[in-house]
Amino acid sequence: MSRFPELQELMSGNGEFRNETEEEHPGLVEELAQGQHPKFAYLGCADSRVPETEVFGAEIGDLFVSRNVGNQFNIDDLSAETTISYAIAHLGVQHVIVMGHYGCGAVQAAIASESDEASTDIGEARIDTWIRPIRSLFKSSNHSHIVAFREAHADDETIAAPNRTEPAFRALVEENVKQQVRNLADDSSVLKVSLSSPSTELKRSSSSGEEPVELWLHGWVYDVDTGLVTDLGVSVGPSGSADSE
């Protein structure tokens, strides 16, 4: 371990985590060892600046998590599909949260011209393939900021990666979250059944036994400049109804 002092920092941090958790929540680790009962499933970006537990001030055991580059949900992504399906069908989560963040590198790359290295570098090729759905969203979106940006750069041979304060960039971050909410509601097998059929009763296990729950899907965005989380107001619940709150 002495060869890698940066790893020792992580191990030391684990010691602090154990001490602080036991001090603030005595017995929580032992309790969770018996089983997990998260109320929330979370689909977010893999960006290191958006650690969901810290962002929400949550505790271990609160969130069942799937993260990837650009907080995307695609029908052929077995990992995300399995994570969300397990959270709903076996853990009985009540809320599925999709959260993107301003300054997202995947969204930024989707706006910029495709990298020349994608044809020769396997890593760049994989990244380019992964962000294609976001690139397609950028090209088809009718959001006013995105349309204005496309028109302003229509004659440019190449488009540089935008600054994170660029309105079209921020708008595409939000549009991407909304698209993933739609993808989840339309494509995820368990979610589709749970949201469209009032007769489908979900159960949540708790210390007092099983209790019925309504499933809700939400779209949020995190601001890396301020730490603020904003609800985009695209929540979907039973029978596909929009959240009125």
Protein backbone atom coordinates (compact mmCIF):
# COMPACT_ATOMS: atom_id res chain seq x y z
CA MET A 1 0.00 0.00 0.00
CA SER A 2 2.98 2.33 0.60
CA ARG A 3 3.56 2.31 -3.16
CA PHE A 4 0.22 4.04 -3.61
CA PRO A 5 -0.31 6.70 -0.92
CA GLU A 6 -3.46 7.85 -2.70
CA LEU A 7 -5.01 4.46 -1.96
CA GLN A 8 -4.04 4.79 1.68
CA GLU A 9 -6.08 7.98 1.76
CA LEU A 10 -9.12 5.94 0.77
CA MET A 11 -8.45 3.33 3.43
CA SER A 12 -8.03 6.04 6.06
CA GLY A 13 -11.27 7.58 4.86
CA ASN A 14 -12.98 4.24 5.39
CA GLY A 15 -11.89 4.30 9.00
CA GLU A 16 -13.36 7.77 9.42
CA PHE A 17 -16.58 6.61 7.74
CA ARG A 18 -16.97 3.70 10.14
CA ASN A 19 -16.33 5.84 13.20
CA GLU A 20 -18.62 8.68 12.10
CA THR A 21 -21.44 6.35 11.04
CA GLU A 22 -21.37 4.47 14.34
CA GLU A 23 -21.25 7.73 16.28
CA GLU A 24 -24.11 9.38 14.39
CA HIS A 25 -26.20 6.27 13.73
CA PRO A 26 -25.34 3.56 16.25
CA GLY A 27 -26.09 0.09 14.93
CA LEU A 28 -26.98 1.22 11.40
CA VAL A 29 -24.27 -0.80 9.67
CA GLU A 30 -25.27 -3.96 11.56
CA GLU A 31 -28.94 -3.32 10.80
CA LEU A 32 -28.31 -2.89 7.07
CA ALA A 33 -26.23 -6.06 7.03
CA GLN A 34 -29.51 -7.90 7.61
CA GLY A 35 -31.06 -6.42 4.47
CA GLN A 36 -31.64 -3.21 2.55
CA HIS A 37 -34.90 -1.27 2.21
CA PRO A 38 -34.13 1.83 0.11
CA LYS A 39 -37.01 4.15 -0.75
CA PHE A 40 -35.28 5.58 -3.80
CA ALA A 41 -33.74 4.25 -7.00
CA TYR A 42 -31.33 6.70 -8.61
CA LEU A 43 -30.06 6.94 -12.18
CA GLY A 44 -27.31 9.53 -12.41
CA CYS A 45 -24.11 10.52 -14.13
CA ALA A 46 -20.79 8.90 -13.25
CA ASP A 47 -19.23 12.36 -12.77
CA SER A 48 -17.16 12.47 -9.58
CA ARG A 49 -18.59 15.89 -8.66
CA VAL A 50 -22.10 14.51 -8.18
CA PRO A 51 -21.98 11.93 -5.36
CA GLU A 52 -25.65 11.25 -4.73
CA THR A 53 -25.40 10.32 -1.05
CA GLU A 54 -23.56 13.54 -0.17
CA VAL A 55 -25.64 15.74 -2.48
CA PHE A 56 -28.87 14.67 -0.76
CA GLY A 57 -27.44 14.42 2.74
CA ALA A 58 -28.59 10.81 2.64
CA GLU A 59 -27.36 7.82 4.62
CA ILE A 60 -26.13 4.44 3.53
CA GLY A 61 -29.10 2.29 2.60
CA ASP A 62 -31.23 5.19 1.34
CA LEU A 63 -30.53 4.95 -2.40
CA PHE A 64 -30.23 2.07 -4.87
CA VAL A 65 -27.95 3.46 -7.56
CA SER A 66 -27.09 3.14 -11.23
CA ARG A 67 -24.62 5.63 -12.72
CA ASN A 68 -23.16 6.03 -16.18
CA VAL A 69 -21.75 8.69 -18.48
CA GLY A 70 -24.53 11.17 -19.17
CA ASN A 71 -27.16 9.57 -16.88
CA GLN A 72 -28.66 7.69 -19.82
CA PHE A 73 -31.21 4.91 -19.96
CA ASN A 74 -31.20 2.91 -23.18
CA ILE A 75 -33.28 -0.20 -23.81
CA ASP A 76 -30.18 -2.25 -24.65
CA ASP A 77 -28.37 -1.24 -21.44
CA LEU A 78 -28.87 -4.41 -19.43
CA SER A 79 -27.04 -3.00 -16.41
CA ALA A 80 -29.34 0.00 -15.90
CA GLU A 81 -32.44 -2.03 -16.81
CA THR A 82 -31.55 -4.70 -14.25
CA THR A 83 -30.75 -2.16 -11.53
CA ILE A 84 -34.04 -0.29 -11.91
CA SER A 85 -36.07 -3.49 -12.33
CA TYR A 86 -34.55 -5.01 -9.19
CA ALA A 87 -35.16 -1.83 -7.21
CA ILE A 88 -38.84 -1.83 -8.17
CA ALA A 89 -39.69 -5.52 -8.20
CA HIS A 90 -37.60 -6.74 -5.28
CA LEU A 91 -36.87 -3.72 -3.09
CA GLY A 92 -40.19 -1.91 -3.54
CA VAL A 93 -38.77 1.56 -4.07
CA GLN A 94 -41.40 4.28 -4.28
CA HIS A 95 -39.42 6.83 -6.29
CA VAL A 96 -37.09 6.50 -9.28
CA ILE A 97 -34.99 9.64 -9.73
CA VAL A 98 -33.12 10.54 -12.91
CA MET A 99 -30.63 13.32 -12.22
CA GLY A 100 -28.32 15.07 -14.64
CA HIS A 101 -26.01 17.98 -13.94
CA TYR A 102 -24.98 21.22 -15.58
CA GLY A 103 -21.48 21.03 -17.01
CA CYS A 104 -21.95 17.36 -17.99
CA GLY A 105 -19.07 16.25 -20.21
CA ALA A 106 -21.24 13.81 -22.16
CA VAL A 107 -23.73 16.52 -23.07
CA GLN A 108 -20.91 18.94 -23.87
CA ALA A 109 -19.30 16.40 -26.21
CA ALA A 110 -22.65 15.75 -27.89
CA ILE A 111 -22.90 19.42 -28.83
CA ALA A 112 -19.33 19.67 -30.13
CA SER A 113 -18.27 18.26 -33.48
CA GLU A 114 -17.42 14.58 -33.46
CA SER A 115 -13.82 13.79 -32.54
CA ASP A 116 -11.50 12.77 -35.39
CA GLU A 117 -9.93 10.33 -32.95
CA ALA A 118 -13.13 8.29 -32.85
CA SER A 119 -12.06 6.52 -36.04
CA THR A 120 -8.66 5.46 -34.70
CA ASP A 121 -8.89 5.39 -30.89
CA ILE A 122 -11.07 2.64 -29.41
CA GLY A 123 -11.71 4.62 -26.25
CA GLU A 124 -12.92 7.66 -28.18
CA ALA A 125 -14.98 5.41 -30.44
CA ARG A 126 -16.78 3.92 -27.46
CA ILE A 127 -17.47 7.34 -25.99
CA ASP A 128 -18.79 8.59 -29.32
CA THR A 129 -21.08 5.59 -29.64
CA TRP A 130 -22.39 6.01 -26.10
CA ILE A 131 -23.29 9.69 -26.49
CA ARG A 132 -24.99 9.31 -29.88
CA PRO A 133 -28.49 9.42 -28.36
CA ILE A 134 -27.65 12.77 -26.74
CA ARG A 135 -26.16 14.03 -30.01
CA SER A 136 -29.39 13.04 -31.77
CA LEU A 137 -31.38 14.87 -29.11
CA PHE A 138 -29.27 18.00 -29.70
CA LYS A 139 -30.00 17.84 -33.44
CA SER A 140 -33.75 17.29 -33.03
CA SER A 141 -34.66 19.37 -29.96
CA ASN A 142 -37.02 22.30 -30.47
CA HIS A 143 -35.95 24.03 -27.25
CA SER A 144 -35.46 27.70 -28.11
CA HIS A 145 -31.91 27.94 -26.74
CA ILE A 146 -30.82 24.81 -28.58
CA VAL A 147 -32.46 25.89 -31.84
CA ALA A 148 -30.78 29.31 -31.59
CA PHE A 149 -27.39 27.67 -30.98
CA ARG A 150 -27.79 25.32 -33.96
CA GLU A 151 -28.78 28.20 -36.23
CA ALA A 152 -25.89 30.37 -35.03
CA HIS A 153 -23.41 27.61 -35.87
CA ALA A 154 -25.12 26.21 -38.97
CA ASP A 155 -22.33 27.35 -41.30
CA ASP A 156 -19.44 26.41 -38.99
CA GLU A 157 -17.18 23.60 -40.18
CA THR A 158 -16.66 22.51 -36.59
CA ILE A 159 -18.34 23.34 -33.30
CA ALA A 160 -16.17 23.69 -30.22
CA ALA A 161 -17.22 22.30 -26.85
CA PRO A 162 -19.40 24.99 -25.25
CA ASN A 163 -18.73 26.70 -21.94
CA ARG A 164 -20.87 25.35 -19.12
CA THR A 165 -22.70 28.71 -18.88
CA GLU A 166 -23.87 28.47 -22.50
CA PRO A 167 -27.71 28.49 -22.39
CA ALA A 168 -27.98 25.77 -25.05
CA PHE A 169 -25.63 23.55 -23.04
CA ARG A 170 -27.69 23.97 -19.89
CA ALA A 171 -30.90 23.44 -21.85
CA LEU A 172 -29.61 20.20 -23.38
CA VAL A 173 -28.65 18.92 -19.93
CA GLU A 174 -32.28 19.41 -18.88
CA GLU A 175 -33.67 17.99 -22.12
CA ASN A 176 -31.48 14.92 -21.71
CA VAL A 177 -32.90 14.29 -18.23
CA LYS A 178 -36.44 14.63 -19.58
CA GLN A 179 -35.62 12.21 -22.39
CA GLN A 180 -34.29 9.61 -19.95
CA VAL A 181 -37.49 9.95 -17.90
CA ARG A 182 -39.45 9.23 -21.08
CA ASN A 183 -37.16 6.33 -21.94
CA LEU A 184 -37.66 4.79 -18.52
CA ALA A 185 -41.42 5.20 -18.60
CA ASP A 186 -41.71 3.82 -22.14
CA ASP A 187 -38.96 1.22 -22.37
CA SER A 188 -38.26 -0.23 -18.94
CA SER A 189 -40.39 -3.37 -18.73
CA VAL A 190 -41.14 -3.17 -15.00
CA LEU A 191 -41.67 0.58 -14.98
CA LYS A 192 -43.96 0.46 -17.98
CA VAL A 193 -46.24 -2.07 -16.32
CA SER A 194 -46.13 -0.35 -12.93
CA LEU A 195 -46.92 3.12 -14.28
CA SER A 196 -49.57 2.15 -16.82
CA SER A 197 -51.61 -0.35 -14.85
CA PRO A 198 -53.46 0.86 -11.73
CA SER A 199 -54.11 -2.78 -10.87
CA THR A 200 -50.39 -3.50 -10.51
CA GLU A 201 -49.74 -3.29 -6.78
CA LEU A 202 -46.16 -2.85 -5.64
CA LYS A 203 -45.08 -3.91 -2.19
CA ARG A 204 -42.39 -2.40 -0.02
CA SER A 205 -40.77 -4.39 2.76
CA SER A 206 -40.29 -2.62 6.07
CA SER A 207 -39.70 -3.47 9.69
CA SER A 208 -43.48 -3.70 10.13
CA GLY A 209 -43.99 -6.02 7.15
CA GLU A 210 -45.04 -5.35 3.56
CA GLU A 211 -46.93 -2.20 2.63
CA PRO A 212 -48.33 -1.11 -0.78
CA VAL A 213 -46.61 1.79 -2.53
CA GLU A 214 -47.23 4.00 -5.56
CA LEU A 215 -44.35 4.25 -7.99
CA TRP A 216 -43.20 7.68 -9.14
CA LEU A 217 -40.58 8.67 -11.68
CA HIS A 218 -38.83 12.06 -11.40
CA GLY A 219 -36.36 14.20 -13.37
CA TRP A 220 -33.94 16.48 -11.51
CA VAL A 221 -30.79 18.45 -12.32
CA TYR A 222 -27.79 19.35 -10.15
CA ASP A 223 -25.86 22.60 -10.47
CA VAL A 224 -22.12 21.99 -10.08
CA ASP A 225 -21.59 25.71 -9.44
CA THR A 226 -23.97 26.02 -6.50
CA GLY A 227 -24.70 22.49 -5.30
CA LEU A 228 -28.44 23.11 -5.81
CA VAL A 229 -30.77 20.36 -7.01
CA THR A 230 -33.78 21.47 -9.08
CA ASP A 231 -36.92 19.47 -9.87
CA LEU A 232 -37.65 19.78 -13.61
CA GLY A 233 -41.34 19.12 -13.06
CA VAL A 234 -41.64 16.04 -15.25
CA SER A 235 -42.71 13.53 -12.61
CA VAL A 236 -44.81 10.58 -13.79
CA GLY A 237 -46.92 8.38 -11.53
CA PRO A 238 -49.74 5.85 -11.68
CA SER A 239 -51.62 5.73 -15.00
CA GLY A 240 -48.96 8.00 -16.46
CA SER A 241 -50.31 11.05 -14.63
CA ALA A 242 -48.07 14.05 -14.15
CA ASP A 243 -47.19 15.03 -10.61
CA SER A 244 -49.33 18.04 -9.78
CA GLU A 245 -47.30 19.12 -6.80
